[in-house]
């Protein structure tokens, strides 16, 4: 299941699942960060909560389970606490992702589960 929106700490974010574009972080409402990796290397991006209609963009194609989870956690942490430095957020998200995977948490394909539930009820 890929939600289209989510409220993080009281702010509604649009969630996009696609390649990240320069226009996602270079617009009239946002300043480009001084240190920013090349656009091709980004797997996630969170706009600040004070922009009009903020969004999180996730490019999860080709990531393994730990990278995917770390990316999602990273952007969620940014959405809740945008002022935390990126290196700290990276350490937090990587650490939490590794911990959750050790506990056995995995992403499930909800479309398959929905199909199975539908079959059981018919």
PDB file of N, CA and C in Angstrom:
ATOM      1  N   UNK A   1       0.841  -1.170   0.000  1.00  0.00           N
ATOM      2  CA  UNK A   1       0.000   0.000   0.000  1.00  0.00           C
ATOM      3  C   UNK A   1       0.890   1.238   0.000  1.00  0.00           C
ATOM      4  N   UNK A   2       0.664   2.115  -0.914  1.00  0.00           N
ATOM      5  CA  UNK A   2       1.422   3.348  -0.998  1.00  0.00           C
ATOM      6  C   UNK A   2       0.485   4.522  -0.765  1.00  0.00           C
ATOM      7  N   UNK A   3       0.500   5.072   0.452  1.00  0.00           N
ATOM      8  CA  UNK A   3      -0.412   6.186   0.733  1.00  0.00           C
ATOM      9  C   UNK A   3      -0.079   7.404  -0.122  1.00  0.00           C
ATOM     10  N   UNK A   4      -1.106   8.163  -0.475  1.00  0.00           N
ATOM     11  CA  UNK A   4      -0.913   9.368  -1.294  1.00  0.00           C
ATOM     12  C   UNK A   4      -0.676  10.600  -0.434  1.00  0.00           C
ATOM     13  N   UNK A   5      -1.146  10.555   0.820  1.00  0.00           N
ATOM     14  CA  UNK A   5      -0.909  11.649   1.762  1.00  0.00           C
ATOM     15  C   UNK A   5      -0.709  11.057   3.151  1.00  0.00           C
ATOM     16  N   UNK A   6      -0.086  11.849   4.019  1.00  0.00           N
ATOM     17  CA  UNK A   6       0.046  11.457   5.419  1.00  0.00           C
ATOM     18  C   UNK A   6       0.293  12.715   6.237  1.00  0.00           C
ATOM     19  N   UNK A   7      -0.270  12.731   7.459  1.00  0.00           N
ATOM     20  CA  UNK A   7      -0.041  13.843   8.369  1.00  0.00           C
ATOM     21  C   UNK A   7       1.132  13.500   9.279  1.00  0.00           C
ATOM     22  N   UNK A   8       2.172  14.317   9.231  1.00  0.00           N
ATOM     23  CA  UNK A   8       3.328  14.171  10.108  1.00  0.00           C
ATOM     24  C   UNK A   8       3.326  15.348  11.072  1.00  0.00           C
ATOM     25  N   UNK A   9       3.180  15.059  12.353  1.00  0.00           N
ATOM     26  CA  UNK A   9       3.214  16.099  13.388  1.00  0.00           C
ATOM     27  C   UNK A   9       2.280  17.257  13.050  1.00  0.00           C
ATOM     28  N   UNK A  10       1.090  16.922  12.564  1.00  0.00           N
ATOM     29  CA  UNK A  10       0.069  17.919  12.296  1.00  0.00           C
ATOM     30  C   UNK A  10       0.125  18.577  10.924  1.00  0.00           C
ATOM     31  N   UNK A  11       1.124  18.220  10.107  1.00  0.00           N
ATOM     32  CA  UNK A  11       1.252  18.816   8.770  1.00  0.00           C
ATOM     33  C   UNK A  11       0.962  17.740   7.728  1.00  0.00           C
ATOM     34  N   UNK A  12       0.027  18.029   6.832  1.00  0.00           N
ATOM     35  CA  UNK A  12      -0.332  17.071   5.786  1.00  0.00           C
ATOM     36  C   UNK A  12       0.674  17.155   4.633  1.00  0.00           C
ATOM     37  N   UNK A  13       1.276  16.018   4.320  1.00  0.00           N
ATOM     38  CA  UNK A  13       2.236  15.907   3.227  1.00  0.00           C
ATOM     39  C   UNK A  13       1.639  15.075   2.095  1.00  0.00           C
ATOM     40  N   UNK A  14       1.914  15.474   0.886  1.00  0.00           N
ATOM     41  CA  UNK A  14       1.614  14.643  -0.273  1.00  0.00           C
ATOM     42  C   UNK A  14       2.803  13.693  -0.430  1.00  0.00           C
ATOM     43  N   UNK A  15       2.531  12.427  -0.728  1.00  0.00           N
ATOM     44  CA  UNK A  15       3.590  11.443  -0.913  1.00  0.00           C
ATOM     45  C   UNK A  15       3.632  11.065  -2.390  1.00  0.00           C
ATOM     46  N   UNK A  16       4.799  11.216  -3.003  1.00  0.00           N
ATOM     47  CA  UNK A  16       4.982  10.873  -4.417  1.00  0.00           C
ATOM     48  C   UNK A  16       6.007   9.748  -4.522  1.00  0.00           C
ATOM     49  N   UNK A  17       5.726   8.791  -5.389  1.00  0.00           N
ATOM     50  CA  UNK A  17       6.609   7.645  -5.603  1.00  0.00           C
ATOM     51  C   UNK A  17       7.128   7.738  -7.034  1.00  0.00           C
ATOM     52  N   UNK A  18       8.300   8.333  -7.183  1.00  0.00           N
ATOM     53  CA  UNK A  18       8.862   8.550  -8.522  1.00  0.00           C
ATOM     54  C   UNK A  18      10.291   9.044  -8.384  1.00  0.00           C
ATOM     55  N   UNK A  19      10.922   9.262  -9.522  1.00  0.00           N
ATOM     56  CA  UNK A  19      12.250   9.867  -9.544  1.00  0.00           C
ATOM     57  C   UNK A  19      12.157  11.279  -8.977  1.00  0.00           C
ATOM     58  N   UNK A  20      13.203  11.711  -8.314  1.00  0.00           N
ATOM     59  CA  UNK A  20      13.240  13.047  -7.749  1.00  0.00           C
ATOM     60  C   UNK A  20      13.715  14.030  -8.825  1.00  0.00           C
ATOM     61  N   UNK A  21      13.051  15.172  -8.890  1.00  0.00           N
ATOM     62  CA  UNK A  21      13.406  16.207  -9.866  1.00  0.00           C
ATOM     63  C   UNK A  21      14.006  17.407  -9.133  1.00  0.00           C
ATOM     64  N   UNK A  22      14.799  18.180  -9.857  1.00  0.00           N
ATOM     65  CA  UNK A  22      15.365  19.394  -9.255  1.00  0.00           C
ATOM     66  C   UNK A  22      14.255  20.316  -8.766  1.00  0.00           C
ATOM     67  N   UNK A  23      13.161  20.365  -9.478  1.00  0.00           N
ATOM     68  CA  UNK A  23      12.062  21.245  -9.079  1.00  0.00           C
ATOM     69  C   UNK A  23      11.443  20.840  -7.743  1.00  0.00           C
ATOM     70  N   UNK A  24      11.713  19.612  -7.279  1.00  0.00           N
ATOM     71  CA  UNK A  24      11.196  19.187  -5.981  1.00  0.00           C
ATOM     72  C   UNK A  24      11.875  19.927  -4.826  1.00  0.00           C
ATOM     73  N   UNK A  25      13.118  20.362  -5.034  1.00  0.00           N
ATOM     74  CA  UNK A  25      13.785  21.093  -3.960  1.00  0.00           C
ATOM     75  C   UNK A  25      14.246  22.480  -4.369  1.00  0.00           C
ATOM     76  N   UNK A  26      14.191  22.794  -5.633  1.00  0.00           N
ATOM     77  CA  UNK A  26      14.539  24.142  -6.073  1.00  0.00           C
ATOM     78  C   UNK A  26      13.284  24.844  -6.553  1.00  0.00           C
ATOM     79  N   UNK A  27      12.598  25.485  -5.645  1.00  0.00           N
ATOM     80  CA  UNK A  27      11.428  26.259  -6.031  1.00  0.00           C
ATOM     81  C   UNK A  27      11.431  27.575  -5.269  1.00  0.00           C
ATOM     82  N   UNK A  28      10.481  28.423  -5.522  1.00  0.00           N
ATOM     83  CA  UNK A  28      10.473  29.760  -4.935  1.00  0.00           C
ATOM     84  C   UNK A  28      10.347  29.738  -3.413  1.00  0.00           C
ATOM     85  N   UNK A  29       9.781  28.664  -2.873  1.00  0.00           N
ATOM     86  CA  UNK A  29       9.538  28.603  -1.432  1.00  0.00           C
ATOM     87  C   UNK A  29      10.696  27.980  -0.660  1.00  0.00           C
ATOM     88  N   UNK A  30      11.613  27.359  -1.350  1.00  0.00           N
ATOM     89  CA  UNK A  30      12.703  26.644  -0.668  1.00  0.00           C
ATOM     90  C   UNK A  30      14.054  27.146  -1.152  1.00  0.00           C
ATOM     91  N   UNK A  31      15.011  27.142  -0.241  1.00  0.00           N
ATOM     92  CA  UNK A  31      16.385  27.463  -0.613  1.00  0.00           C
ATOM     93  C   UNK A  31      17.125  26.150  -0.810  1.00  0.00           C
ATOM     94  N   UNK A  32      17.975  26.101  -1.825  1.00  0.00           N
ATOM     95  CA  UNK A  32      18.767  24.893  -2.058  1.00  0.00           C
ATOM     96  C   UNK A  32      19.779  24.754  -0.926  1.00  0.00           C
ATOM     97  N   UNK A  33      19.919  23.568  -0.362  1.00  0.00           N
ATOM     98  CA  UNK A  33      20.912  23.364   0.688  1.00  0.00           C
ATOM     99  C   UNK A  33      22.317  23.597   0.134  1.00  0.00           C
ATOM    100  N   UNK A  34      23.231  23.997   1.033  1.00  0.00           N
ATOM    101  CA  UNK A  34      24.611  24.252   0.596  1.00  0.00           C
ATOM    102  C   UNK A  34      25.282  22.963   0.134  1.00  0.00           C
ATOM    103  N   UNK A  35      25.107  21.906   0.911  1.00  0.00           N
ATOM    104  CA  UNK A  35      25.684  20.614   0.549  1.00  0.00           C
ATOM    105  C   UNK A  35      24.546  19.684   0.169  1.00  0.00           C
ATOM    106  N   UNK A  36      24.500  19.311  -1.070  1.00  0.00           N
ATOM    107  CA  UNK A  36      23.412  18.463  -1.536  1.00  0.00           C
ATOM    108  C   UNK A  36      23.965  17.450  -2.516  1.00  0.00           C
ATOM    109  N   UNK A  37      23.651  16.175  -2.330  1.00  0.00           N
ATOM    110  CA  UNK A  37      24.181  15.172  -3.266  1.00  0.00           C
ATOM    111  C   UNK A  37      23.589  15.352  -4.656  1.00  0.00           C
ATOM    112  N   UNK A  38      24.261  14.804  -5.669  1.00  0.00           N
ATOM    113  CA  UNK A  38      23.692  14.891  -7.020  1.00  0.00           C
ATOM    114  C   UNK A  38      22.283  14.294  -7.042  1.00  0.00           C
ATOM    115  N   UNK A  39      21.434  14.893  -7.837  1.00  0.00           N
ATOM    116  CA  UNK A  39      20.022  14.500  -7.902  1.00  0.00           C
ATOM    117  C   UNK A  39      19.857  13.013  -8.206  1.00  0.00           C
ATOM    118  N   UNK A  40      20.758  12.439  -8.996  1.00  0.00           N
ATOM    119  CA  UNK A  40      20.663  11.027  -9.380  1.00  0.00           C
ATOM    120  C   UNK A  40      20.880  10.094  -8.185  1.00  0.00           C
ATOM    121  N   UNK A  41      21.549  10.568  -7.143  1.00  0.00           N
ATOM    122  CA  UNK A  41      21.851   9.729  -5.977  1.00  0.00           C
ATOM    123  C   UNK A  41      20.757   9.763  -4.918  1.00  0.00           C
ATOM    124  N   UNK A  42      19.808  10.669  -5.041  1.00  0.00           N
ATOM    125  CA  UNK A  42      18.768  10.800  -4.022  1.00  0.00           C
ATOM    126  C   UNK A  42      17.729   9.687  -4.129  1.00  0.00           C
ATOM    127  N   UNK A  43      17.371   9.112  -2.983  1.00  0.00           N
ATOM    128  CA  UNK A  43      16.295   8.119  -2.951  1.00  0.00           C
ATOM    129  C   UNK A  43      15.063   8.652  -2.231  1.00  0.00           C
ATOM    130  N   UNK A  44      15.213   9.782  -1.562  1.00  0.00           N
ATOM    131  CA  UNK A  44      14.098  10.399  -0.883  1.00  0.00           C
ATOM    132  C   UNK A  44      14.338  11.876  -0.678  1.00  0.00           C
ATOM    133  N   UNK A  45      13.246  12.621  -0.603  1.00  0.00           N
ATOM    134  CA  UNK A  45      13.343  14.058  -0.380  1.00  0.00           C
ATOM    135  C   UNK A  45      12.098  14.519   0.353  1.00  0.00           C
ATOM    136  N   UNK A  46      12.308  15.342   1.366  1.00  0.00           N
ATOM    137  CA  UNK A  46      11.195  15.901   2.143  1.00  0.00           C
ATOM    138  C   UNK A  46      11.268  17.414   2.067  1.00  0.00           C
ATOM    139  N   UNK A  47      10.179  18.016   1.671  1.00  0.00           N
ATOM    140  CA  UNK A  47      10.124  19.468   1.654  1.00  0.00           C
ATOM    141  C   UNK A  47       9.822  19.972   3.062  1.00  0.00           C
ATOM    142  N   UNK A  48      10.220  21.198   3.366  1.00  0.00           N
ATOM    143  CA  UNK A  48       9.944  21.729   4.702  1.00  0.00           C
ATOM    144  C   UNK A  48       8.446  21.862   4.957  1.00  0.00           C
ATOM    145  N   UNK A  49       8.043  21.741   6.211  1.00  0.00           N
ATOM    146  CA  UNK A  49       6.618  21.781   6.527  1.00  0.00           C
ATOM    147  C   UNK A  49       5.975  23.140   6.306  1.00  0.00           C
ATOM    148  N   UNK A  50       6.760  24.189   6.172  1.00  0.00           N
ATOM    149  CA  UNK A  50       6.174  25.521   6.027  1.00  0.00           C
ATOM    150  C   UNK A  50       5.939  25.943   4.578  1.00  0.00           C
ATOM    151  N   UNK A  51       6.273  25.084   3.602  1.00  0.00           N
ATOM    152  CA  UNK A  51       5.963  25.425   2.208  1.00  0.00           C
ATOM    153  C   UNK A  51       4.497  25.095   1.946  1.00  0.00           C
ATOM    154  N   UNK A  52       3.944  25.712   0.938  1.00  0.00           N
ATOM    155  CA  UNK A  52       2.558  25.435   0.575  1.00  0.00           C
ATOM    156  C   UNK A  52       2.491  24.042  -0.037  1.00  0.00           C
ATOM    157  N   UNK A  53       1.635  23.191   0.471  1.00  0.00           N
ATOM    158  CA  UNK A  53       1.457  21.819  -0.005  1.00  0.00           C
ATOM    159  C   UNK A  53       2.778  21.034  -0.004  1.00  0.00           C
ATOM    160  N   UNK A  54       3.384  20.817   1.174  1.00  0.00           N
ATOM    161  CA  UNK A  54       4.664  20.100   1.218  1.00  0.00           C
ATOM    162  C   UNK A  54       4.513  18.660   0.733  1.00  0.00           C
ATOM    163  N   UNK A  55       5.608  18.121   0.218  1.00  0.00           N
ATOM    164  CA  UNK A  55       5.563  16.736  -0.257  1.00  0.00           C
ATOM    165  C   UNK A  55       6.832  15.999   0.112  1.00  0.00           C
ATOM    166  N   UNK A  56       6.677  14.691   0.135  1.00  0.00           N
ATOM    167  CA  UNK A  56       7.798  13.762   0.287  1.00  0.00           C
ATOM    168  C   UNK A  56       7.845  12.978  -1.010  1.00  0.00           C
ATOM    169  N   UNK A  57       9.029  12.886  -1.589  1.00  0.00           N
ATOM    170  CA  UNK A  57       9.203  12.121  -2.815  1.00  0.00           C
ATOM    171  C   UNK A  57      10.095  10.931  -2.490  1.00  0.00           C
ATOM    172  N   UNK A  58       9.621   9.736  -2.840  1.00  0.00           N
ATOM    173  CA  UNK A  58      10.357   8.501  -2.577  1.00  0.00           C
ATOM    174  C   UNK A  58      10.651   7.785  -3.890  1.00  0.00           C
ATOM    175  N   UNK A  59      11.927   7.508  -4.122  1.00  0.00           N
ATOM    176  CA  UNK A  59      12.357   6.737  -5.285  1.00  0.00           C
ATOM    177  C   UNK A  59      12.948   5.434  -4.744  1.00  0.00           C
ATOM    178  N   UNK A  60      12.095   4.452  -4.520  1.00  0.00           N
ATOM    179  CA  UNK A  60      12.490   3.219  -3.837  1.00  0.00           C
ATOM    180  C   UNK A  60      12.854   2.075  -4.784  1.00  0.00           C
ATOM    181  N   UNK A  61      12.783   2.325  -6.078  1.00  0.00           N
ATOM    182  CA  UNK A  61      13.057   1.283  -7.070  1.00  0.00           C
ATOM    183  C   UNK A  61      14.506   0.822  -6.945  1.00  0.00           C
ATOM    184  N   UNK A  62      14.681  -0.488  -6.826  1.00  0.00           N
ATOM    185  CA  UNK A  62      16.018  -1.074  -6.793  1.00  0.00           C
ATOM    186  C   UNK A  62      16.685  -1.085  -5.429  1.00  0.00           C
ATOM    187  N   UNK A  63      16.016  -0.593  -4.405  1.00  0.00           N
ATOM    188  CA  UNK A  63      16.611  -0.589  -3.067  1.00  0.00           C
ATOM    189  C   UNK A  63      16.330  -1.911  -2.368  1.00  0.00           C
ATOM    190  N   UNK A  64      17.293  -2.361  -1.563  1.00  0.00           N
ATOM    191  CA  UNK A  64      17.021  -3.556  -0.769  1.00  0.00           C
ATOM    192  C   UNK A  64      16.152  -3.157   0.422  1.00  0.00           C
ATOM    193  N   UNK A  65      15.718  -4.132   1.203  1.00  0.00           N
ATOM    194  CA  UNK A  65      14.759  -3.889   2.295  1.00  0.00           C
ATOM    195  C   UNK A  65      15.274  -2.861   3.296  1.00  0.00           C
ATOM    196  N   UNK A  66      16.551  -2.967   3.660  1.00  0.00           N
ATOM    197  CA  UNK A  66      17.097  -2.046   4.662  1.00  0.00           C
ATOM    198  C   UNK A  66      17.225  -0.627   4.098  1.00  0.00           C
ATOM    199  N   UNK A  67      17.667  -0.501   2.860  1.00  0.00           N
ATOM    200  CA  UNK A  67      17.783   0.824   2.238  1.00  0.00           C
ATOM    201  C   UNK A  67      16.403   1.474   2.089  1.00  0.00           C
ATOM    202  N   UNK A  68      15.418   0.679   1.686  1.00  0.00           N
ATOM    203  CA  UNK A  68      14.064   1.204   1.517  1.00  0.00           C
ATOM    204  C   UNK A  68      13.498   1.696   2.843  1.00  0.00           C
ATOM    205  N   UNK A  69      13.624   0.871   3.875  1.00  0.00           N
ATOM    206  CA  UNK A  69      13.113   1.246   5.185  1.00  0.00           C
ATOM    207  C   UNK A  69      13.843   2.472   5.723  1.00  0.00           C
ATOM    208  N   UNK A  70      15.163   2.517   5.568  1.00  0.00           N
ATOM    209  CA  UNK A  70      15.938   3.667   6.035  1.00  0.00           C
ATOM    210  C   UNK A  70      15.527   4.944   5.308  1.00  0.00           C
ATOM    211  N   UNK A  71      15.255   4.838   4.013  1.00  0.00           N
ATOM    212  CA  UNK A  71      14.832   6.013   3.236  1.00  0.00           C
ATOM    213  C   UNK A  71      13.483   6.525   3.723  1.00  0.00           C
ATOM    214  N   UNK A  72      12.537   5.624   3.920  1.00  0.00           N
ATOM    215  CA  UNK A  72      11.211   6.019   4.385  1.00  0.00           C
ATOM    216  C   UNK A  72      11.299   6.643   5.780  1.00  0.00           C
ATOM    217  N   UNK A  73      12.063   6.028   6.667  1.00  0.00           N
ATOM    218  CA  UNK A  73      12.240   6.578   8.018  1.00  0.00           C
ATOM    219  C   UNK A  73      12.919   7.939   7.972  1.00  0.00           C
ATOM    220  N   UNK A  74      13.933   8.075   7.135  1.00  0.00           N
ATOM    221  CA  UNK A  74      14.670   9.331   6.992  1.00  0.00           C
ATOM    222  C   UNK A  74      13.725  10.474   6.628  1.00  0.00           C
ATOM    223  N   UNK A  75      12.888  10.253   5.636  1.00  0.00           N
ATOM    224  CA  UNK A  75      11.978  11.312   5.200  1.00  0.00           C
ATOM    225  C   UNK A  75      10.893  11.581   6.238  1.00  0.00           C
ATOM    226  N   UNK A  76      10.437  10.550   6.939  1.00  0.00           N
ATOM    227  CA  UNK A  76       9.446  10.749   8.003  1.00  0.00           C
ATOM    228  C   UNK A  76      10.034  11.568   9.156  1.00  0.00           C
ATOM    229  N   UNK A  77      11.292  11.298   9.500  1.00  0.00           N
ATOM    230  CA  UNK A  77      11.955  12.072  10.563  1.00  0.00           C
ATOM    231  C   UNK A  77      12.094  13.523  10.119  1.00  0.00           C
ATOM    232  N   UNK A  78      12.502  13.735   8.877  1.00  0.00           N
ATOM    233  CA  UNK A  78      12.600  15.110   8.362  1.00  0.00           C
ATOM    234  C   UNK A  78      11.244  15.808   8.436  1.00  0.00           C
ATOM    235  N   UNK A  79      10.179  15.112   8.084  1.00  0.00           N
ATOM    236  CA  UNK A  79       8.846  15.710   8.093  1.00  0.00           C
ATOM    237  C   UNK A  79       8.447  16.148   9.502  1.00  0.00           C
ATOM    238  N   UNK A  80       8.823  15.366  10.493  1.00  0.00           N
ATOM    239  CA  UNK A  80       8.469  15.693  11.878  1.00  0.00           C
ATOM    240  C   UNK A  80       9.406  16.723  12.501  1.00  0.00           C
ATOM    241  N   UNK A  81      10.669  16.657  12.143  1.00  0.00           N
ATOM    242  CA  UNK A  81      11.691  17.533  12.749  1.00  0.00           C
ATOM    243  C   UNK A  81      12.635  18.016  11.661  1.00  0.00           C
ATOM    244  N   UNK A  82      12.174  18.951  10.863  1.00  0.00           N
ATOM    245  CA  UNK A  82      12.908  19.364   9.669  1.00  0.00           C
ATOM    246  C   UNK A  82      14.243  20.026   9.975  1.00  0.00           C
ATOM    247  N   UNK A  83      14.404  20.577  11.163  1.00  0.00           N
ATOM    248  CA  UNK A  83      15.632  21.313  11.474  1.00  0.00           C
ATOM    249  C   UNK A  83      16.789  20.432  11.946  1.00  0.00           C
ATOM    250  N   UNK A  84      16.538  19.162  12.179  1.00  0.00           N
ATOM    251  CA  UNK A  84      17.633  18.266  12.587  1.00  0.00           C
ATOM    252  C   UNK A  84      18.590  18.110  11.410  1.00  0.00           C
ATOM    253  N   UNK A  85      19.908  18.239  11.661  1.00  0.00           N
ATOM    254  CA  UNK A  85      20.882  18.102  10.574  1.00  0.00           C
ATOM    255  C   UNK A  85      20.773  16.740   9.873  1.00  0.00           C
ATOM    256  N   UNK A  86      21.006  16.754   8.571  1.00  0.00           N
ATOM    257  CA  UNK A  86      20.833  15.555   7.745  1.00  0.00           C
ATOM    258  C   UNK A  86      21.700  14.388   8.215  1.00  0.00           C
ATOM    259  N   UNK A  87      22.920  14.636   8.635  1.00  0.00           N
ATOM    260  CA  UNK A  87      23.785  13.540   9.099  1.00  0.00           C
ATOM    261  C   UNK A  87      23.190  12.836  10.316  1.00  0.00           C
ATOM    262  N   UNK A  88      22.605  13.618  11.219  1.00  0.00           N
ATOM    263  CA  UNK A  88      21.960  13.022  12.392  1.00  0.00           C
ATOM    264  C   UNK A  88      20.741  12.206  11.995  1.00  0.00           C
ATOM    265  N   UNK A  89      19.953  12.746  11.066  1.00  0.00           N
ATOM    266  CA  UNK A  89      18.763  12.025  10.591  1.00  0.00           C
ATOM    267  C   UNK A  89      19.193  10.728   9.898  1.00  0.00           C
ATOM    268  N   UNK A  90      20.249  10.784   9.102  1.00  0.00           N
ATOM    269  CA  UNK A  90      20.766   9.575   8.437  1.00  0.00           C
ATOM    270  C   UNK A  90      21.154   8.511   9.454  1.00  0.00           C
ATOM    271  N   UNK A  91      21.881   8.911  10.500  1.00  0.00           N
ATOM    272  CA  UNK A  91      22.291   7.944  11.531  1.00  0.00           C
ATOM    273  C   UNK A  91      21.068   7.350  12.228  1.00  0.00           C
ATOM    274  N   UNK A  92      20.091   8.201  12.543  1.00  0.00           N
ATOM    275  CA  UNK A  92      18.880   7.719  13.218  1.00  0.00           C
ATOM    276  C   UNK A  92      18.120   6.731  12.336  1.00  0.00           C
ATOM    277  N   UNK A  93      17.889   7.107  11.087  1.00  0.00           N
ATOM    278  CA  UNK A  93      17.079   6.255  10.207  1.00  0.00           C
ATOM    279  C   UNK A  93      17.783   4.934   9.911  1.00  0.00           C
ATOM    280  N   UNK A  94      19.097   4.972   9.697  1.00  0.00           N
ATOM    281  CA  UNK A  94      19.844   3.732   9.459  1.00  0.00           C
ATOM    282  C   UNK A  94      19.795   2.822  10.681  1.00  0.00           C
ATOM    283  N   UNK A  95      19.966   3.407  11.849  1.00  0.00           N
ATOM    284  CA  UNK A  95      19.957   2.643  13.097  1.00  0.00           C
ATOM    285  C   UNK A  95      18.585   2.020  13.360  1.00  0.00           C
ATOM    286  N   UNK A  96      17.530   2.796  13.189  1.00  0.00           N
ATOM    287  CA  UNK A  96      16.169   2.295  13.423  1.00  0.00           C
ATOM    288  C   UNK A  96      15.809   1.228  12.392  1.00  0.00           C
ATOM    289  N   UNK A  97      16.190   1.442  11.124  1.00  0.00           N
ATOM    290  CA  UNK A  97      15.906   0.454  10.072  1.00  0.00           C
ATOM    291  C   UNK A  97      16.573  -0.880  10.387  1.00  0.00           C
ATOM    292  N   UNK A  98      17.853  -0.842  10.765  1.00  0.00           N
ATOM    293  CA  UNK A  98      18.567  -2.080  11.097  1.00  0.00           C
ATOM    294  C   UNK A  98      17.904  -2.788  12.273  1.00  0.00           C
ATOM    295  N   UNK A  99      17.498  -2.023  13.291  1.00  0.00           N
ATOM    296  CA  UNK A  99      16.846  -2.591  14.465  1.00  0.00           C
ATOM    297  C   UNK A  99      15.515  -3.255  14.101  1.00  0.00           C
ATOM    298  N   UNK A 100      14.692  -2.554  13.322  1.00  0.00           N
ATOM    299  CA  UNK A 100      13.390  -3.112  12.929  1.00  0.00           C
ATOM    300  C   UNK A 100      13.548  -4.376  12.089  1.00  0.00           C
ATOM    301  N   UNK A 101      14.536  -4.397  11.198  1.00  0.00           N
ATOM    302  CA  UNK A 101      14.764  -5.595  10.387  1.00  0.00           C
ATOM    303  C   UNK A 101      15.239  -6.765  11.248  1.00  0.00           C
ATOM    304  N   UNK A 102      16.069  -6.475  12.263  1.00  0.00           N
ATOM    305  CA  UNK A 102      16.504  -7.536  13.191  1.00  0.00           C
ATOM    306  C   UNK A 102      15.316  -8.113  13.953  1.00  0.00           C
ATOM    307  N   UNK A 103      14.330  -7.263  14.230  1.00  0.00           N
ATOM    308  CA  UNK A 103      13.119  -7.727  14.925  1.00  0.00           C
ATOM    309  C   UNK A 103      12.182  -8.511  14.006  1.00  0.00           C
ATOM    310  N   UNK A 104      12.475  -8.483  12.705  1.00  0.00           N
ATOM    311  CA  UNK A 104      11.669  -9.245  11.767  1.00  0.00           C
ATOM    312  C   UNK A 104      10.653  -8.439  10.977  1.00  0.00           C
ATOM    313  N   UNK A 105      10.661  -7.124  11.138  1.00  0.00           N
ATOM    314  CA  UNK A 105       9.721  -6.305  10.375  1.00  0.00           C
ATOM    315  C   UNK A 105      10.095  -6.314   8.904  1.00  0.00           C
ATOM    316  N   UNK A 106       9.091  -6.502   8.059  1.00  0.00           N
ATOM    317  CA  UNK A 106       9.275  -6.506   6.609  1.00  0.00           C
ATOM    318  C   UNK A 106       8.079  -5.834   5.970  1.00  0.00           C
ATOM    319  N   UNK A 107       8.289  -5.273   4.825  1.00  0.00           N
ATOM    320  CA  UNK A 107       7.183  -4.698   4.056  1.00  0.00           C
ATOM    321  C   UNK A 107       6.423  -5.845   3.413  1.00  0.00           C
ATOM    322  N   UNK A 108       5.105  -5.796   3.505  1.00  0.00           N
ATOM    323  CA  UNK A 108       4.311  -6.842   2.877  1.00  0.00           C
ATOM    324  C   UNK A 108       3.631  -6.265   1.652  1.00  0.00           C
ATOM    325  N   UNK A 109       3.400  -7.101   0.698  1.00  0.00           N
ATOM    326  CA  UNK A 109       2.690  -6.675  -0.510  1.00  0.00           C
ATOM    327  C   UNK A 109       1.210  -6.694  -0.181  1.00  0.00           C
ATOM    328  N   UNK A 110       0.668  -5.527   0.106  1.00  0.00           N
ATOM    329  CA  UNK A 110      -0.728  -5.449   0.549  1.00  0.00           C
ATOM    330  C   UNK A 110      -1.704  -5.780  -0.572  1.00  0.00           C
ATOM    331  N   UNK A 111      -1.288  -5.649  -1.820  1.00  0.00           N
ATOM    332  CA  UNK A 111      -2.204  -5.987  -2.916  1.00  0.00           C
ATOM    333  C   UNK A 111      -2.488  -7.478  -2.911  1.00  0.00           C
ATOM    334  N   UNK A 112      -1.467  -8.303  -2.635  1.00  0.00           N
ATOM    335  CA  UNK A 112      -1.679  -9.752  -2.566  1.00  0.00           C
ATOM    336  C   UNK A 112      -2.590 -10.109  -1.401  1.00  0.00           C
ATOM    337  N   UNK A 113      -2.384  -9.435  -0.259  1.00  0.00           N
ATOM    338  CA  UNK A 113      -3.211  -9.720   0.907  1.00  0.00           C
ATOM    339  C   UNK A 113      -4.658  -9.306   0.665  1.00  0.00           C
ATOM    340  N   UNK A 114      -4.868  -8.206  -0.001  1.00  0.00           N
ATOM    341  CA  UNK A 114      -6.237  -7.761  -0.304  1.00  0.00           C
ATOM    342  C   UNK A 114      -6.920  -8.741  -1.243  1.00  0.00           C
ATOM    343  N   UNK A 115      -6.168  -9.260  -2.211  1.00  0.00           N
ATOM    344  CA  UNK A 115      -6.736 -10.245  -3.140  1.00  0.00           C
ATOM    345  C   UNK A 115      -7.117 -11.525  -2.398  1.00  0.00           C
ATOM    346  N   UNK A 116      -6.270 -11.949  -1.472  1.00  0.00           N
ATOM    347  CA  UNK A 116      -6.565 -13.161  -0.693  1.00  0.00           C
ATOM    348  C   UNK A 116      -7.808 -12.970   0.166  1.00  0.00           C
ATOM    349  N   UNK A 117      -7.934 -11.793   0.813  1.00  0.00           N
ATOM    350  CA  UNK A 117      -9.112 -11.523   1.624  1.00  0.00           C
ATOM    351  C   UNK A 117     -10.379 -11.541   0.770  1.00  0.00           C
ATOM    352  N   UNK A 118     -10.283 -10.993  -0.418  1.00  0.00           N
ATOM    353  CA  UNK A 118     -11.434 -10.945  -1.320  1.00  0.00           C
ATOM    354  C   UNK A 118     -11.842 -12.368  -1.729  1.00  0.00           C
ATOM    355  N   UNK A 119     -10.840 -13.221  -2.000  1.00  0.00           N
ATOM    356  CA  UNK A 119     -11.126 -14.606  -2.379  1.00  0.00           C
ATOM    357  C   UNK A 119     -11.821 -15.357  -1.252  1.00  0.00           C
ATOM    358  N   UNK A 120     -11.384 -15.114  -0.002  1.00  0.00           N
ATOM    359  CA  UNK A 120     -11.968 -15.801   1.150  1.00  0.00           C
ATOM    360  C   UNK A 120     -13.420 -15.412   1.383  1.00  0.00           C
ATOM    361  N   UNK A 121     -13.770 -14.177   1.059  1.00  0.00           N
ATOM    362  CA  UNK A 121     -15.139 -13.721   1.315  1.00  0.00           C
ATOM    363  C   UNK A 121     -16.106 -14.086   0.202  1.00  0.00           C
ATOM    364  N   UNK A 122     -15.594 -14.492  -0.959  1.00  0.00           N
ATOM    365  CA  UNK A 122     -16.495 -14.852  -2.060  1.00  0.00           C
ATOM    366  C   UNK A 122     -16.685 -16.332  -2.171  1.00  0.00           C
TER     367      UNK A 122
END
